[in-house]
PDB file of N, CA and C in Angstrom:
ATOM      1  N   MET A   1      -1.697  53.474  40.898  1.00  0.00           N
ATOM      2  CA  MET A   1      -2.700  54.900  41.490  1.00  0.00           C
ATOM      3  C   MET A   1      -3.499  54.564  40.316  1.00  0.00           C
ATOM      4  N   THR A   2      -4.884  54.999  40.631  1.00  0.00           N
ATOM      5  CA  THR A   2      -5.883  55.941  39.558  1.00  0.00           C
ATOM      6  C   THR A   2      -6.039  57.001  38.710  1.00  0.00           C
ATOM      7  N   ASP A   3      -6.433  57.067  37.820  1.00  0.00           N
ATOM      8  CA  ASP A   3      -6.572  58.241  37.047  1.00  0.00           C
ATOM      9  C   ASP A   3      -7.923  59.428  37.607  1.00  0.00           C
ATOM     10  N   ALA A   4      -7.635  60.619  37.616  1.00  0.00           N
ATOM     11  CA  ALA A   4      -9.037  61.532  38.082  1.00  0.00           C
ATOM     12  C   ALA A   4      -9.783  60.914  37.237  1.00  0.00           C
ATOM     13  N   VAL A   5     -10.932  61.644  37.003  1.00  0.00           N
ATOM     14  CA  VAL A   5     -12.073  61.233  36.685  1.00  0.00           C
ATOM     15  C   VAL A   5     -12.341  62.382  35.650  1.00  0.00           C
ATOM     16  N   LYS A   6     -12.828  62.605  34.445  1.00  0.00           N
ATOM     17  CA  LYS A   6     -12.762  63.719  33.679  1.00  0.00           C
ATOM     18  C   LYS A   6     -14.089  63.179  32.375  1.00  0.00           C
ATOM     19  N   GLY A   7     -14.160  64.573  32.074  1.00  0.00           N
ATOM     20  CA  GLY A   7     -15.146  64.679  31.557  1.00  0.00           C
ATOM     21  C   GLY A   7     -16.543  65.755  32.640  1.00  0.00           C
ATOM     22  N   PRO A   8     -17.360  64.770  31.757  1.00  0.00           N
ATOM     23  CA  PRO A   8     -18.953  65.490  32.883  1.00  0.00           C
ATOM     24  C   PRO A   8     -18.947  64.377  34.041  1.00  0.00           C
ATOM     25  N   ALA A   9     -18.352  63.621  34.219  1.00  0.00           N
ATOM     26  CA  ALA A   9     -18.101  62.414  35.406  1.00  0.00           C
ATOM     27  C   ALA A   9     -17.876  63.445  36.193  1.00  0.00           C
ATOM     28  N   SER A  10     -16.542  64.261  36.286  1.00  0.00           N
ATOM     29  CA  SER A  10     -15.996  64.874  37.188  1.00  0.00           C
ATOM     30  C   SER A  10     -16.915  66.094  38.006  1.00  0.00           C
ATOM     31  N   TYR A  11     -17.407  66.125  37.329  1.00  0.00           N
ATOM     32  CA  TYR A  11     -18.955  67.152  38.359  1.00  0.00           C
ATOM     33  C   TYR A  11     -19.909  66.466  39.093  1.00  0.00           C
ATOM     34  N   PHE A  12     -19.766  65.103  39.407  1.00  0.00           N
ATOM     35  CA  PHE A  12     -20.878  64.281  39.934  1.00  0.00           C
ATOM     36  C   PHE A  12     -20.768  64.575  41.482  1.00  0.00           C
ATOM     37  N   PRO A  13     -19.591  64.383  42.169  1.00  0.00           N
ATOM     38  CA  PRO A  13     -19.392  64.907  43.064  1.00  0.00           C
ATOM     39  C   PRO A  13     -20.013  66.519  44.016  1.00  0.00           C
ATOM     40  N   SER A  14     -19.547  67.248  43.290  1.00  0.00           N
ATOM     41  CA  SER A  14     -20.690  68.718  43.617  1.00  0.00           C
ATOM     42  C   SER A  14     -21.589  68.400  43.696  1.00  0.00           C
ATOM     43  N   ILE A  15     -22.319  68.037  42.455  1.00  0.00           N
ATOM     44  CA  ILE A  15     -23.245  67.890  41.856  1.00  0.00           C
ATOM     45  C   ILE A  15     -24.334  67.037  43.117  1.00  0.00           C
ATOM     46  N   GLU A  16     -24.283  65.821  43.580  1.00  0.00           N
ATOM     47  CA  GLU A  16     -24.793  65.644  44.477  1.00  0.00           C
ATOM     48  C   GLU A  16     -24.921  65.794  46.285  1.00  0.00           C
ATOM     49  N   LYS A  17     -23.350  66.850  46.493  1.00  0.00           N
ATOM     50  CA  LYS A  17     -23.187  67.372  47.284  1.00  0.00           C
ATOM     51  C   LYS A  17     -23.950  68.803  46.893  1.00  0.00           C
ATOM     52  N   LYS A  18     -24.477  69.559  45.992  1.00  0.00           N
ATOM     53  CA  LYS A  18     -24.939  71.070  46.001  1.00  0.00           C
ATOM     54  C   LYS A  18     -26.641  70.654  45.625  1.00  0.00           C
ATOM     55  N   TYR A  19     -26.856  69.622  44.877  1.00  0.00           N
ATOM     56  CA  TYR A  19     -28.009  69.211  44.886  1.00  0.00           C
ATOM     57  C   TYR A  19     -28.631  68.185  46.044  1.00  0.00           C
ATOM     58  N   GLY A  20     -28.009  67.680  46.576  1.00  0.00           N
ATOM     59  CA  GLY A  20     -28.418  66.584  47.399  1.00  0.00           C
ATOM     60  C   GLY A  20     -29.631  64.995  47.122  1.00  0.00           C
ATOM     61  N   ARG A  21     -28.864  64.662  45.663  1.00  0.00           N
ATOM     62  CA  ARG A  21     -29.693  63.798  45.421  1.00  0.00           C
ATOM     63  C   ARG A  21     -28.569  63.092  44.345  1.00  0.00           C
ATOM     64  N   PRO A  22     -29.051  61.372  44.601  1.00  0.00           N
ATOM     65  CA  PRO A  22     -27.709  60.690  44.115  1.00  0.00           C
ATOM     66  C   PRO A  22     -27.961  60.679  42.208  1.00  0.00           C
ATOM     67  N   ILE A  23     -26.494  61.001  41.234  1.00  0.00           N
ATOM     68  CA  ILE A  23     -26.316  60.763  40.326  1.00  0.00           C
ATOM     69  C   ILE A  23     -27.390  60.498  39.385  1.00  0.00           C
ATOM     70  N   ALA A  24     -27.724  58.790  39.879  1.00  0.00           N
ATOM     71  CA  ALA A  24     -28.379  58.125  39.346  1.00  0.00           C
ATOM     72  C   ALA A  24     -30.161  58.620  39.397  1.00  0.00           C
ATOM     73  N   GLU A  25     -30.586  58.953  40.011  1.00  0.00           N
ATOM     74  CA  GLU A  25     -31.484  59.618  40.197  1.00  0.00           C
ATOM     75  C   GLU A  25     -31.997  60.856  38.832  1.00  0.00           C
ATOM     76  N   TRP A  26     -30.862  61.640  39.212  1.00  0.00           N
ATOM     77  CA  TRP A  26     -31.053  62.765  37.879  1.00  0.00           C
ATOM     78  C   TRP A  26     -30.469  62.242  36.458  1.00  0.00           C
ATOM     79  N   LYS A  27     -30.449  60.915  36.810  1.00  0.00           N
ATOM     80  CA  LYS A  27     -30.439  60.171  35.166  1.00  0.00           C
ATOM     81  C   LYS A  27     -31.610  59.581  34.685  1.00  0.00           C
ATOM     82  N   ASP A  28     -32.045  59.200  35.622  1.00  0.00           N
ATOM     83  CA  ASP A  28     -33.508  59.034  35.752  1.00  0.00           C
ATOM     84  C   ASP A  28     -34.554  60.183  35.518  1.00  0.00           C
ATOM     85  N   LEU A  29     -34.637  60.925  35.979  1.00  0.00           N
ATOM     86  CA  LEU A  29     -35.016  62.045  35.568  1.00  0.00           C
ATOM     87  C   LEU A  29     -34.599  62.208  34.088  1.00  0.00           C
ATOM     88  N   ILE A  30     -33.320  62.433  33.913  1.00  0.00           N
ATOM     89  CA  ILE A  30     -33.305  62.832  32.194  1.00  0.00           C
ATOM     90  C   ILE A  30     -34.540  61.768  31.411  1.00  0.00           C
ATOM     91  N   ARG A  31     -33.954  60.583  31.676  1.00  0.00           N
ATOM     92  CA  ARG A  31     -34.496  59.239  31.487  1.00  0.00           C
ATOM     93  C   ARG A  31     -35.789  59.381  30.462  1.00  0.00           C
ATOM     94  N   SER A  32     -36.768  59.785  31.847  1.00  0.00           N
ATOM     95  CA  SER A  32     -38.437  59.905  32.048  1.00  0.00           C
ATOM     96  C   SER A  32     -39.207  61.111  31.480  1.00  0.00           C
ATOM     97  N   SER A  33     -38.109  62.305  30.872  1.00  0.00           N
ATOM     98  CA  SER A  33     -38.594  63.187  30.148  1.00  0.00           C
ATOM     99  C   SER A  33     -38.929  63.611  28.991  1.00  0.00           C
ATOM    100  N   PRO A  34     -39.870  63.937  28.879  1.00  0.00           N
ATOM    101  CA  PRO A  34     -40.425  63.969  27.549  1.00  0.00           C
ATOM    102  C   PRO A  34     -39.571  64.582  26.447  1.00  0.00           C
ATOM    103  N   LEU A  35     -38.658  65.105  26.609  1.00  0.00           N
ATOM    104  CA  LEU A  35     -37.083  66.141  26.147  1.00  0.00           C
ATOM    105  C   LEU A  35     -36.123  64.975  25.600  1.00  0.00           C
ATOM    106  N   ALA A  36     -35.800  65.166  24.403  1.00  0.00           N
ATOM    107  CA  ALA A  36     -34.867  64.595  23.793  1.00  0.00           C
ATOM    108  C   ALA A  36     -33.993  65.237  23.676  1.00  0.00           C
ATOM    109  N   LYS A  37     -33.852  66.362  22.746  1.00  0.00           N
ATOM    110  CA  LYS A  37     -32.659  67.105  22.607  1.00  0.00           C
ATOM    111  C   LYS A  37     -32.047  67.678  23.345  1.00  0.00           C
ATOM    112  N   HIS A  38     -30.713  67.483  23.345  1.00  0.00           N
ATOM    113  CA  HIS A  38     -29.667  68.347  24.879  1.00  0.00           C
ATOM    114  C   HIS A  38     -29.921  69.155  25.012  1.00  0.00           C
ATOM    115  N   MET A  39     -29.924  70.423  24.560  1.00  0.00           N
ATOM    116  CA  MET A  39     -30.020  71.904  24.924  1.00  0.00           C
ATOM    117  C   MET A  39     -31.165  71.638  25.737  1.00  0.00           C
ATOM    118  N   GLU A  40     -32.702  71.115  25.102  1.00  0.00           N
ATOM    119  CA  GLU A  40     -33.540  71.173  25.667  1.00  0.00           C
ATOM    120  C   GLU A  40     -33.897  70.439  27.398  1.00  0.00           C
ATOM    121  N   LEU A  41     -32.817  69.626  27.533  1.00  0.00           N
ATOM    122  CA  LEU A  41     -32.725  68.739  28.561  1.00  0.00           C
ATOM    123  C   LEU A  41     -32.111  69.721  29.513  1.00  0.00           C
ATOM    124  N   VAL A  42     -31.147  70.212  28.958  1.00  0.00           N
ATOM    125  CA  VAL A  42     -30.496  71.409  29.877  1.00  0.00           C
ATOM    126  C   VAL A  42     -30.923  72.521  30.421  1.00  0.00           C
ATOM    127  N   ASN A  43     -31.679  72.888  29.249  1.00  0.00           N
ATOM    128  CA  ASN A  43     -32.672  74.156  30.046  1.00  0.00           C
ATOM    129  C   ASN A  43     -34.339  73.586  30.724  1.00  0.00           C
ATOM    130  N   TRP A  44     -33.969  72.620  30.763  1.00  0.00           N
ATOM    131  CA  TRP A  44     -35.035  71.673  31.342  1.00  0.00           C
ATOM    132  C   TRP A  44     -34.602  71.968  32.678  1.00  0.00           C
ATOM    133  N   LEU A  45     -33.559  71.454  33.031  1.00  0.00           N
ATOM    134  CA  LEU A  45     -33.040  70.809  34.270  1.00  0.00           C
ATOM    135  C   LEU A  45     -32.557  72.209  35.181  1.00  0.00           C
ATOM    136  N   LYS A  46     -32.099  73.599  34.376  1.00  0.00           N
ATOM    137  CA  LYS A  46     -32.218  74.799  34.573  1.00  0.00           C
ATOM    138  C   LYS A  46     -33.003  75.178  35.312  1.00  0.00           C
ATOM    139  N   SER A  47     -34.428  75.030  34.529  1.00  0.00           N
ATOM    140  CA  SER A  47     -35.498  76.076  34.872  1.00  0.00           C
ATOM    141  C   SER A  47     -36.407  75.047  36.105  1.00  0.00           C
ATOM    142  N   GLU A  48     -36.451  74.028  36.082  1.00  0.00           N
ATOM    143  CA  GLU A  48     -37.365  73.254  37.019  1.00  0.00           C
ATOM    144  C   GLU A  48     -36.824  72.652  38.217  1.00  0.00           C
ATOM    145  N   TYR A  49     -35.102  72.519  38.117  1.00  0.00           N
ATOM    146  CA  TYR A  49     -34.709  72.005  39.247  1.00  0.00           C
ATOM    147  C   TYR A  49     -33.729  73.206  39.976  1.00  0.00           C
ATOM    148  N   GLU A  50     -33.595  74.177  38.854  1.00  0.00           N
ATOM    149  CA  GLU A  50     -32.286  75.325  39.718  1.00  0.00           C
ATOM    150  C   GLU A  50     -31.345  74.991  39.417  1.00  0.00           C
ATOM    151  N   LEU A  51     -30.575  74.067  38.273  1.00  0.00           N
ATOM    152  CA  LEU A  51     -29.176  73.431  38.465  1.00  0.00           C
ATOM    153  C   LEU A  51     -28.621  74.428  37.757  1.00  0.00           C
ATOM    154  N   GLY A  52     -26.946  74.603  37.826  1.00  0.00           N
ATOM    155  CA  GLY A  52     -26.326  75.629  36.796  1.00  0.00           C
ATOM    156  C   GLY A  52     -25.885  74.793  35.644  1.00  0.00           C
ATOM    157  N   HIS A  53     -25.867  75.655  34.935  1.00  0.00           N
ATOM    158  CA  HIS A  53     -25.974  75.270  33.114  1.00  0.00           C
ATOM    159  C   HIS A  53     -24.659  74.197  33.485  1.00  0.00           C
ATOM    160  N   GLY A  54     -23.505  74.386  33.886  1.00  0.00           N
ATOM    161  CA  GLY A  54     -22.197  73.285  33.899  1.00  0.00           C
ATOM    162  C   GLY A  54     -22.879  71.837  34.710  1.00  0.00           C
ATOM    163  N   HIS A  55     -23.642  71.934  35.516  1.00  0.00           N
ATOM    164  CA  HIS A  55     -23.787  71.024  36.118  1.00  0.00           C
ATOM    165  C   HIS A  55     -25.557  70.586  35.295  1.00  0.00           C
ATOM    166  N   ALA A  56     -26.519  70.874  34.663  1.00  0.00           N
ATOM    167  CA  ALA A  56     -26.961  70.713  34.026  1.00  0.00           C
ATOM    168  C   ALA A  56     -26.533  69.754  32.398  1.00  0.00           C
ATOM    169  N   ASN A  57     -25.288  70.509  31.973  1.00  0.00           N
ATOM    170  CA  ASN A  57     -24.586  70.058  30.906  1.00  0.00           C
ATOM    171  C   ASN A  57     -23.480  68.961  30.972  1.00  0.00           C
ATOM    172  N   ALA A  58     -23.382  68.650  32.205  1.00  0.00           N
ATOM    173  CA  ALA A  58     -22.629  67.279  32.525  1.00  0.00           C
ATOM    174  C   ALA A  58     -23.451  66.168  32.448  1.00  0.00           C
ATOM    175  N   LEU A  59     -24.450  66.438  33.590  1.00  0.00           N
ATOM    176  CA  LEU A  59     -25.570  65.120  33.684  1.00  0.00           C
ATOM    177  C   LEU A  59     -26.036  64.607  32.458  1.00  0.00           C
ATOM    178  N   VAL A  60     -26.353  65.921  31.711  1.00  0.00           N
ATOM    179  CA  VAL A  60     -27.110  65.747  30.416  1.00  0.00           C
ATOM    180  C   VAL A  60     -26.054  64.750  29.349  1.00  0.00           C
ATOM    181  N   ALA A  61     -25.422  65.325  29.197  1.00  0.00           N
ATOM    182  CA  ALA A  61     -24.228  64.561  28.188  1.00  0.00           C
ATOM    183  C   ALA A  61     -23.814  62.979  28.868  1.00  0.00           C
ATOM    184  N   HIS A  62     -23.559  62.884  30.398  1.00  0.00           N
ATOM    185  CA  HIS A  62     -23.011  61.898  30.250  1.00  0.00           C
ATOM    186  C   HIS A  62     -24.109  61.022  29.962  1.00  0.00           C
ATOM    187  N   THR A  63     -25.321  60.952  30.463  1.00  0.00           N
ATOM    188  CA  THR A  63     -26.728  60.482  30.306  1.00  0.00           C
ATOM    189  C   THR A  63     -26.675  59.966  28.776  1.00  0.00           C
ATOM    190  N   LEU A  64     -26.991  61.042  28.270  1.00  0.00           N
ATOM    191  CA  LEU A  64     -26.849  60.633  26.663  1.00  0.00           C
ATOM    192  C   LEU A  64     -26.265  60.007  26.098  1.00  0.00           C
ATOM    193  N   THR A  65     -24.485  60.458  26.427  1.00  0.00           N
ATOM    194  CA  THR A  65     -23.314  59.320  26.025  1.00  0.00           C
ATOM    195  C   THR A  65     -23.650  57.625  26.158  1.00  0.00           C
ATOM    196  N   GLU A  66     -24.077  57.564  27.791  1.00  0.00           N
ATOM    197  CA  GLU A  66     -24.495  56.370  28.024  1.00  0.00           C
ATOM    198  C   GLU A  66     -25.145  55.533  27.382  1.00  0.00           C
ATOM    199  N   ASP A  67     -26.522  56.500  27.427  1.00  0.00           N
ATOM    200  CA  ASP A  67     -27.377  55.752  26.504  1.00  0.00           C
ATOM    201  C   ASP A  67     -27.332  55.536  25.395  1.00  0.00           C
ATOM    202  N   SER A  68     -26.411  56.300  24.451  1.00  0.00           N
ATOM    203  CA  SER A  68     -26.168  55.879  23.108  1.00  0.00           C
ATOM    204  C   SER A  68     -25.187  54.623  22.992  1.00  0.00           C
ATOM    205  N   ALA A  69     -24.821  54.338  23.617  1.00  0.00           N
ATOM    206  CA  ALA A  69     -23.345  53.582  23.794  1.00  0.00           C
ATOM    207  C   ALA A  69     -24.435  51.966  24.011  1.00  0.00           C
ATOM    208  N   LYS A  70     -25.428  52.306  24.054  1.00  0.00           N
ATOM    209  CA  LYS A  70     -26.325  50.687  24.408  1.00  0.00           C
ATOM    210  C   LYS A  70     -26.834  50.416  23.199  1.00  0.00           C
TER     211      LYS A  70
END
């Protein structure tokens, strides 16, 4: 039996459903942004793409964590 997805990735199915873009596309947008700080990116996603705070935060947190592991 597989464990349930936890953390920021647990938001991914609802993000894709609500906003109609795959997670990979959101990550590409975040990575191509000239902004670097977590809350700057969250606020940018909220204002530019009308994401909710929780969804924007989950995308940014997951992407920055993924990038820092490289």
